[in-house]
Protein backbone atom coordinates (compact mmCIF):
# COMPACT_ATOMS: atom_id res chain seq x y z
CA UNK A 1 -0.16 0.07 0.32
CA UNK A 2 1.61 3.52 -1.05
CA UNK A 3 2.08 6.10 1.53
CA UNK A 4 -0.50 8.67 1.70
CA UNK A 5 1.77 11.49 0.10
CA UNK A 6 2.25 9.27 -3.05
CA UNK A 7 -1.19 8.68 -4.05
CA UNK A 8 -2.98 9.95 -6.34
CA UNK A 9 -5.41 12.82 -4.18
CA UNK A 10 -2.14 13.91 -2.66
CA UNK A 11 -0.57 14.72 -6.13
CA UNK A 12 -4.15 16.51 -7.19
CA UNK A 13 -4.22 18.63 -3.74
CA UNK A 14 -0.35 19.67 -3.35
CA UNK A 15 0.66 19.06 -6.86
CA UNK A 16 -2.40 21.36 -7.82
CA UNK A 17 -1.73 23.89 -4.85
CA UNK A 18 1.88 24.27 -5.82
CA UNK A 19 1.14 25.04 -9.66
CA UNK A 20 -1.17 27.79 -8.82
CA UNK A 21 0.62 29.21 -6.36
CA UNK A 22 3.33 29.48 -9.25
CA UNK A 23 1.28 30.67 -11.72
CA UNK A 24 0.08 33.33 -9.00
CA UNK A 25 3.60 35.05 -7.95
CA UNK A 26 5.30 34.67 -11.47
CA UNK A 27 2.44 36.55 -13.21
CA UNK A 28 2.81 39.56 -11.11
CA UNK A 29 6.02 39.14 -9.55
CA UNK A 30 7.62 39.21 -12.79
CA UNK A 31 7.84 40.89 -16.37
CA UNK A 32 7.60 37.18 -17.54
CA UNK A 33 4.25 36.80 -16.16
CA UNK A 34 2.40 38.71 -18.89
CA UNK A 35 3.26 35.69 -21.29
CA UNK A 36 1.29 33.08 -18.66
CA UNK A 37 -2.37 32.32 -18.99
CA UNK A 38 -4.63 34.74 -16.08
CA UNK A 39 -5.12 33.22 -13.07
CA UNK A 40 -8.18 34.07 -12.74
CA UNK A 41 -9.67 30.60 -14.17
CA UNK A 42 -7.47 28.61 -11.92
CA UNK A 43 -8.63 30.35 -8.83
CA UNK A 44 -12.31 29.63 -9.94
CA UNK A 45 -11.51 26.18 -10.68
CA UNK A 46 -9.79 25.64 -7.31
CA UNK A 47 -13.16 26.89 -5.64
CA UNK A 48 -15.09 24.90 -7.66
CA UNK A 49 -13.53 21.59 -6.47
CA UNK A 50 -13.28 22.04 -3.68
CA UNK A 51 -17.60 23.60 -3.48
CA UNK A 52 -18.20 20.29 -5.50
CA UNK A 53 -16.56 17.82 -2.89
CA UNK A 54 -14.28 16.73 -5.77
CA UNK A 55 -11.11 17.73 -3.38
CA UNK A 56 -12.61 17.09 0.20
CA UNK A 57 -10.19 20.07 1.42
CA UNK A 58 -11.35 23.20 3.69
CA UNK A 59 -11.11 26.07 1.20
CA UNK A 60 -9.15 27.95 3.90
CA UNK A 61 -6.43 25.68 3.07
CA UNK A 62 -6.17 26.89 -0.57
CA UNK A 63 -7.17 30.59 -0.01
CA UNK A 64 -4.32 31.15 2.56
CA UNK A 65 -1.61 30.08 0.51
CA UNK A 66 -2.62 31.67 -2.71
CA UNK A 67 -3.46 35.10 -0.69
CA UNK A 68 -0.43 35.24 0.48
CA UNK A 69 1.81 34.48 -2.76
CA UNK A 70 -0.49 36.87 -4.37
CA UNK A 71 0.73 39.62 -2.08
CA UNK A 72 4.26 38.28 -1.82
CA UNK A 73 4.39 38.73 -5.67
CA UNK A 74 3.27 42.31 -5.75
CA UNK A 75 6.65 43.07 -3.24
CA UNK A 76 8.63 40.90 -5.93
CA UNK A 77 7.63 43.62 -8.40
CA UNK A 78 8.07 46.53 -6.42
CA UNK A 79 11.18 45.48 -5.21
CA UNK A 80 12.22 44.84 -8.92
CA UNK A 81 11.25 48.07 -10.63
CA UNK A 82 12.50 49.72 -7.37
CA UNK A 83 16.34 48.50 -8.38
CA UNK A 84 16.06 49.39 -11.74
CA UNK A 85 14.56 52.50 -11.23
CA UNK A 86 13.89 55.61 -13.88
CA UNK A 87 15.60 52.73 -16.53
CA UNK A 88 12.58 50.48 -16.49
CA UNK A 89 11.07 53.65 -18.25
CA UNK A 90 13.73 53.48 -20.83
CA UNK A 91 14.09 49.75 -21.54
CA UNK A 92 14.04 48.29 -24.68
CA UNK A 93 11.13 46.55 -25.78
CA UNK A 94 11.37 42.49 -25.47
CA UNK A 95 9.38 39.85 -25.72
CA UNK A 96 7.91 39.48 -22.58
CA UNK A 97 8.43 43.85 -21.41
CA UNK A 98 6.62 46.60 -23.77
CA UNK A 99 6.97 50.07 -22.25
CA UNK A 100 3.30 50.70 -23.38
CA UNK A 101 2.34 48.45 -20.81
CA UNK A 102 4.18 50.63 -18.21
CA UNK A 103 2.09 53.56 -19.20
CA UNK A 104 -0.72 51.40 -18.88
CA UNK A 105 -0.52 51.08 -15.65
CA UNK A 106 0.67 54.67 -14.83
CA UNK A 107 -2.62 56.11 -16.21
CA UNK A 108 -4.77 53.46 -13.66
CA UNK A 109 -2.95 55.42 -10.83
CA UNK A 110 -3.54 58.54 -12.08
CA UNK A 111 -6.89 58.02 -12.54
CA UNK A 112 -7.95 56.31 -9.42
CA UNK A 113 -4.60 56.94 -6.66
CA UNK A 114 -3.53 54.01 -4.47
CA UNK A 115 -7.16 52.51 -5.28
CA UNK A 116 -5.67 50.88 -8.65
CA UNK A 117 -3.13 49.24 -6.91
CA UNK A 118 -6.66 47.28 -6.27
CA UNK A 119 -8.28 47.63 -9.57
CA UNK A 120 -5.21 46.45 -11.14
CA UNK A 121 -5.06 43.33 -9.69
CA UNK A 122 -7.94 41.93 -11.34
CA UNK A 123 -7.00 42.93 -14.94
CA UNK A 124 -4.33 40.59 -17.23
CA UNK A 125 -1.08 42.86 -17.56
CA UNK A 126 -1.78 45.40 -15.91
CA UNK A 127 -1.30 43.79 -12.53
CA UNK A 128 1.90 42.53 -13.83
CA UNK A 129 3.30 46.11 -14.17
CA UNK A 130 1.67 48.04 -11.73
CA UNK A 131 3.89 46.88 -9.05
CA UNK A 132 6.99 47.64 -11.05
CA UNK A 133 5.50 50.99 -11.97
CA UNK A 134 5.09 51.53 -8.39
CA UNK A 135 8.93 50.47 -7.54
CA UNK A 136 10.21 52.60 -10.47
CA UNK A 137 8.22 55.70 -9.04
CA UNK A 138 9.32 55.03 -5.78
CA UNK A 139 5.68 55.14 -4.51
CA UNK A 140 5.71 54.96 -1.03
CA UNK A 141 6.28 51.40 0.50
CA UNK A 142 3.59 51.77 3.23
CA UNK A 143 0.72 52.62 1.17
CA UNK A 144 1.94 50.12 -1.58
CA UNK A 145 2.22 47.67 1.55
CA UNK A 146 -1.30 48.35 2.61
CA UNK A 147 -2.96 48.58 -0.82
CA UNK A 148 -1.45 45.69 -2.27
CA UNK A 149 -2.38 43.59 0.15
CA UNK A 150 -5.78 44.55 0.20
CA UNK A 151 -6.21 43.65 -3.40
CA UNK A 152 -4.64 40.49 -3.03
CA UNK A 153 -6.95 39.21 -0.59
CA UNK A 154 -10.35 40.03 -2.59
CA UNK A 155 -8.89 38.73 -5.80
CA UNK A 156 -7.94 35.96 -4.62
CA UNK A 157 -11.38 35.53 -1.91
CA UNK A 158 -14.07 36.34 -4.86
CA UNK A 159 -12.57 33.92 -7.78
CA UNK A 160 -12.30 30.80 -5.58
CA UNK A 161 -15.27 31.76 -2.86
CA UNK A 162 -17.41 32.63 -6.30
CA UNK A 163 -15.99 29.10 -7.56
CA UNK A 164 -16.85 27.22 -4.65
CA UNK A 165 -20.21 28.51 -4.32
CA UNK A 166 -21.30 27.51 -7.79
CA UNK A 167 -20.03 24.27 -7.01
CA UNK A 168 -21.92 24.04 -3.63
CA UNK A 169 -24.92 25.26 -5.69
CA UNK A 170 -24.61 22.89 -8.93
CA UNK A 171 -23.07 19.90 -7.12
CA UNK A 172 -23.43 17.96 -10.31
CA UNK A 173 -20.51 19.79 -12.09
CA UNK A 174 -18.51 17.34 -10.30
CA UNK A 175 -19.72 14.42 -13.35
CA UNK A 176 -17.81 16.72 -15.81
CA UNK A 177 -14.56 18.01 -14.11
CA UNK A 178 -12.42 15.82 -15.07
CA UNK A 179 -13.08 17.22 -19.10
CA UNK A 180 -12.63 20.55 -16.99
CA UNK A 181 -9.47 20.02 -15.23
CA UNK A 182 -8.07 18.48 -18.76
CA UNK A 183 -8.70 21.49 -20.85
CA UNK A 184 -7.43 24.13 -17.94
CA UNK A 185 -4.31 21.96 -17.88
CA UNK A 186 -3.72 21.98 -22.00
CA UNK A 187 -4.69 25.79 -21.96
CA UNK A 188 -1.43 26.05 -19.24
CA UNK A 189 0.53 24.88 -21.21
CA UNK A 190 -0.17 26.17 -24.67
CA UNK A 191 -0.86 29.36 -23.67
CA UNK A 192 2.52 30.61 -22.94
CA UNK A 193 3.72 28.87 -25.98
CA UNK A 194 1.16 30.91 -28.28
CA UNK A 195 1.85 34.15 -26.63
CA UNK A 196 5.90 33.77 -26.96
CA UNK A 197 5.14 33.06 -30.24
CA UNK A 198 2.85 35.78 -31.04
CA UNK A 199 4.86 38.66 -29.20
CA UNK A 200 8.25 37.33 -30.64
CA UNK A 201 6.08 37.81 -34.26
CA UNK A 202 5.12 41.48 -33.13
CA UNK A 203 8.37 42.14 -32.19
CA UNK A 204 10.38 41.26 -35.33
CA UNK A 205 7.59 43.35 -37.10
CA UNK A 206 8.11 46.27 -34.61
CA UNK A 207 11.75 46.25 -36.02
CA UNK A 208 11.37 46.05 -39.13
CA UNK A 209 9.33 49.46 -39.66
């Protein structure tokens, strides 16, 4: 008999959680995160798995670690932006970095103030460049720390809890989750490749102009 940590359920729970945490962290913590598929779907599916009892784990087991790493991702992005400073605004465009995304993050800040940090959490690409922008502009760290924490908690909780309650309301979804999970896995691995090829093609076209 296999020990518990080698069982299929163990891999599904801990392997799935580790993958979700990694994607959420990289997507917001590093510029390369723009090529990674949006974490919204992963968070929603995580809640759905709990709600339908497909995975019999306490929902807090998923919410707490993901919230922590989502918050840490913002702090990592802020640190990178702070280290690069003004040079970040002059950095040449490449496959994963475009100055226009930094400008979009700046517009959010100027339009919504510190609330923009929270709102940016829900917008792909902008959530990657918002911490970089605030780090480079040396936004007051204490304020960034607070609003970033609020944004991370709201982002993770809203999506996971939404999936959880839909799973509880429609438990028969459990019968189809195998296909949903298989589709998500394919999406996770195929999307970065497609994004890389698309961005590489666009970059080559820009260089020719």
